[in-house]
Amino acid sequence: MSTVSFMDEPGHEDNFKPTVRQENSYQTEPKKKFPSGKVIKARVKEMMIPRFKVICLVHIGQLSSQGLRIGSRCLWDDKYDTFSSSEFRNKSIFAIGMVYGVYYE
C-alpha cells in the first residue's frame, strides 16, 4: 500500500516569498592588489578591502629554552593572494601576527 500526502486544503494561503538569489559576477581578478604592507599597521577590518577574505593568525608564547615551528597551508594563487607578518619580542614573551589576503570571486 502506498500513500502520498500533501498540504492542499481550501482556505490555506501560502505567503511564501522566494529568497533573493544573487548571481556570481564572474570577476576572476581583483581591481586592486591586496595592500600587504599596510595591514599590520592599520586595522584590517576598517580597511574594507573588497573581494578578499582576510585571515588573521596570532601566536603568543613564552620565551624559555625551547623551540617553536609554525606553518600554514592553503590553496594559493601567486598572482593575487598574499600575506603580511610581524613579530614582537621582549625578554619573556614573543608574538607573531600573520594576515592573509585571499581573493575570492
C-alpha atoms as a PDB file:
ATOM      1  CA  MET A   1       0.000   0.000   0.000  1.00  0.00           C
ATOM      2  CA  SER A   2       1.363   3.389  -0.948  1.00  0.00           C
ATOM      3  CA  THR A   3       0.172   6.807   0.178  1.00  0.00           C
ATOM      4  CA  VAL A   4       1.008  10.339  -0.858  1.00  0.00           C
ATOM      5  CA  SER A   5       0.392  13.238   1.488  1.00  0.00           C
ATOM      6  CA  PHE A   6       0.462  16.939   0.739  1.00  0.00           C
ATOM      7  CA  MET A   7      -0.962  20.204   2.012  1.00  0.00           C
ATOM      8  CA  ASP A   8      -3.699  21.444  -0.278  1.00  0.00           C
ATOM      9  CA  GLU A   9      -6.582  22.490   1.891  1.00  0.00           C
ATOM     10  CA  PRO A  10      -9.144  25.081   0.829  1.00  0.00           C
ATOM     11  CA  GLY A  11      -8.507  28.423   2.509  1.00  0.00           C
ATOM     12  CA  HIS A  12      -4.841  27.672   3.105  1.00  0.00           C
ATOM     13  CA  GLU A  13      -2.933  30.664   1.791  1.00  0.00           C
ATOM     14  CA  ASP A  14       0.758  30.437   1.237  1.00  0.00           C
ATOM     15  CA  ASN A  15       2.525  33.721   1.999  1.00  0.00           C
ATOM     16  CA  PHE A  16       5.819  32.255   0.926  1.00  0.00           C
ATOM     17  CA  LYS A  17       8.220  34.662  -0.754  1.00  0.00           C
ATOM     18  CA  PRO A  18      11.147  33.109  -2.574  1.00  0.00           C
ATOM     19  CA  THR A  19      14.582  34.045  -1.321  1.00  0.00           C
ATOM     20  CA  VAL A  20      16.555  36.510  -3.363  1.00  0.00           C
ATOM     21  CA  ARG A  21      19.493  34.880  -5.094  1.00  0.00           C
ATOM     22  CA  GLN A  22      22.438  36.879  -6.272  1.00  0.00           C
ATOM     23  CA  GLU A  23      24.260  35.852  -9.371  1.00  0.00           C
ATOM     24  CA  ASN A  24      28.011  35.389  -9.456  1.00  0.00           C
ATOM     25  CA  SER A  25      29.810  38.319 -11.041  1.00  0.00           C
ATOM     26  CA  TYR A  26      32.496  36.055 -12.539  1.00  0.00           C
ATOM     27  CA  GLN A  27      35.097  38.650 -11.642  1.00  0.00           C
ATOM     28  CA  THR A  28      38.203  36.480 -11.593  1.00  0.00           C
ATOM     29  CA  GLU A  29      40.705  39.252 -10.895  1.00  0.00           C
ATOM     30  CA  PRO A  30      40.764  41.947  -8.207  1.00  0.00           C
ATOM     31  CA  LYS A  31      40.562  45.607  -9.200  1.00  0.00           C
ATOM     32  CA  LYS A  32      43.365  46.474  -6.764  1.00  0.00           C
ATOM     33  CA  LYS A  33      46.071  44.296  -5.246  1.00  0.00           C
ATOM     34  CA  PHE A  34      45.812  43.402  -1.538  1.00  0.00           C
ATOM     35  CA  PRO A  35      47.788  46.023   0.458  1.00  0.00           C
ATOM     36  CA  SER A  36      50.000  43.600   2.403  1.00  0.00           C
ATOM     37  CA  GLY A  37      52.381  46.367   3.501  1.00  0.00           C
ATOM     38  CA  LYS A  38      49.629  48.270   5.356  1.00  0.00           C
ATOM     39  CA  VAL A  39      47.573  45.570   7.059  1.00  0.00           C
ATOM     40  CA  ILE A  40      49.616  45.245  10.258  1.00  0.00           C
ATOM     41  CA  LYS A  41      49.777  48.988  10.927  1.00  0.00           C
ATOM     42  CA  ALA A  42      46.117  49.713  10.196  1.00  0.00           C
ATOM     43  CA  ARG A  43      43.072  47.922  11.497  1.00  0.00           C
ATOM     44  CA  VAL A  44      42.317  45.318   8.898  1.00  0.00           C
ATOM     45  CA  LYS A  45      38.541  45.405   9.205  1.00  0.00           C
ATOM     46  CA  GLU A  46      38.423  49.181   8.822  1.00  0.00           C
ATOM     47  CA  MET A  47      40.247  48.914   5.506  1.00  0.00           C
ATOM     48  CA  MET A  48      37.154  47.322   3.893  1.00  0.00           C
ATOM     49  CA  ILE A  49      39.154  45.562   1.170  1.00  0.00           C
ATOM     50  CA  PRO A  50      36.591  44.269  -1.355  1.00  0.00           C
ATOM     51  CA  ARG A  51      36.537  40.648  -2.564  1.00  0.00           C
ATOM     52  CA  PHE A  52      39.358  39.462  -0.283  1.00  0.00           C
ATOM     53  CA  LYS A  53      38.921  37.041   2.580  1.00  0.00           C
ATOM     54  CA  VAL A  54      41.104  38.167   5.453  1.00  0.00           C
ATOM     55  CA  ILE A  55      42.540  35.517   7.748  1.00  0.00           C
ATOM     56  CA  CYS A  56      44.407  36.652  10.868  1.00  0.00           C
ATOM     57  CA  LEU A  57      46.573  34.345  12.971  1.00  0.00           C
ATOM     58  CA  VAL A  58      48.397  35.423  16.123  1.00  0.00           C
ATOM     59  CA  HIS A  59      50.730  33.167  18.089  1.00  0.00           C
ATOM     60  CA  ILE A  60      51.809  34.270  21.572  1.00  0.00           C
ATOM     61  CA  GLY A  61      54.186  32.297  23.737  1.00  0.00           C
ATOM     62  CA  GLN A  62      56.771  32.374  26.483  1.00  0.00           C
ATOM     63  CA  LEU A  63      60.469  32.585  25.696  1.00  0.00           C
ATOM     64  CA  SER A  64      62.187  29.794  27.582  1.00  0.00           C
ATOM     65  CA  SER A  65      64.868  27.487  26.151  1.00  0.00           C
ATOM     66  CA  GLN A  66      62.524  25.804  23.692  1.00  0.00           C
ATOM     67  CA  GLY A  67      61.746  25.998  20.011  1.00  0.00           C
ATOM     68  CA  LEU A  68      58.566  26.531  18.083  1.00  0.00           C
ATOM     69  CA  ARG A  69      57.830  25.860  14.456  1.00  0.00           C
ATOM     70  CA  ILE A  70      54.774  27.451  12.862  1.00  0.00           C
ATOM     71  CA  GLY A  71      53.447  26.510   9.437  1.00  0.00           C
ATOM     72  CA  SER A  72      50.289  27.018   7.414  1.00  0.00           C
ATOM     73  CA  ARG A  73      48.892  25.698   4.153  1.00  0.00           C
ATOM     74  CA  CYS A  74      46.111  26.694   1.812  1.00  0.00           C
ATOM     75  CA  LEU A  75      45.215  26.842  -1.855  1.00  0.00           C
ATOM     76  CA  TRP A  76      47.088  29.844  -3.174  1.00  0.00           C
ATOM     77  CA  ASP A  77      47.086  31.948  -6.312  1.00  0.00           C
ATOM     78  CA  ASP A  78      50.506  33.637  -6.550  1.00  0.00           C
ATOM     79  CA  LYS A  79      49.126  36.355  -8.774  1.00  0.00           C
ATOM     80  CA  TYR A  80      46.562  37.770  -6.301  1.00  0.00           C
ATOM     81  CA  ASP A  81      46.858  36.145  -2.868  1.00  0.00           C
ATOM     82  CA  THR A  82      49.401  37.465  -0.392  1.00  0.00           C
ATOM     83  CA  PHE A  83      50.223  37.786   3.287  1.00  0.00           C
ATOM     84  CA  SER A  84      51.910  40.086   5.757  1.00  0.00           C
ATOM     85  CA  SER A  85      53.584  39.172   9.044  1.00  0.00           C
ATOM     86  CA  SER A  86      55.018  40.978  12.026  1.00  0.00           C
ATOM     87  CA  GLU A  87      56.889  39.877  15.121  1.00  0.00           C
ATOM     88  CA  PHE A  88      57.144  41.246  18.663  1.00  0.00           C
ATOM     89  CA  ARG A  89      59.644  40.002  21.208  1.00  0.00           C
ATOM     90  CA  ASN A  90      60.835  41.077  24.651  1.00  0.00           C
ATOM     91  CA  LYS A  91      62.733  39.267  27.424  1.00  0.00           C
ATOM     92  CA  SER A  92      59.915  36.914  28.366  1.00  0.00           C
ATOM     93  CA  ILE A  93      57.340  36.586  25.541  1.00  0.00           C
ATOM     94  CA  PHE A  94      57.001  36.585  21.786  1.00  0.00           C
ATOM     95  CA  ALA A  95      54.094  37.319  19.473  1.00  0.00           C
ATOM     96  CA  ILE A  96      53.853  36.598  15.764  1.00  0.00           C
ATOM     97  CA  GLY A  97      50.958  38.013  13.754  1.00  0.00           C
ATOM     98  CA  MET A  98      50.107  36.941  10.210  1.00  0.00           C
ATOM     99  CA  VAL A  99      47.406  38.402   7.984  1.00  0.00           C
ATOM    100  CA  TYR A 100      46.484  36.578   4.781  1.00  0.00           C
ATOM    101  CA  GLY A 101      44.581  38.247   1.958  1.00  0.00           C
ATOM    102  CA  VAL A 102      42.984  35.595  -0.255  1.00  0.00           C
ATOM    103  CA  TYR A 103      40.997  36.751  -3.290  1.00  0.00           C
ATOM    104  CA  TYR A 104      37.619  35.125  -3.854  1.00  0.00           C
ATOM    105  CA  GLU A 105      35.119  35.512  -6.682  1.00  0.00           C
END
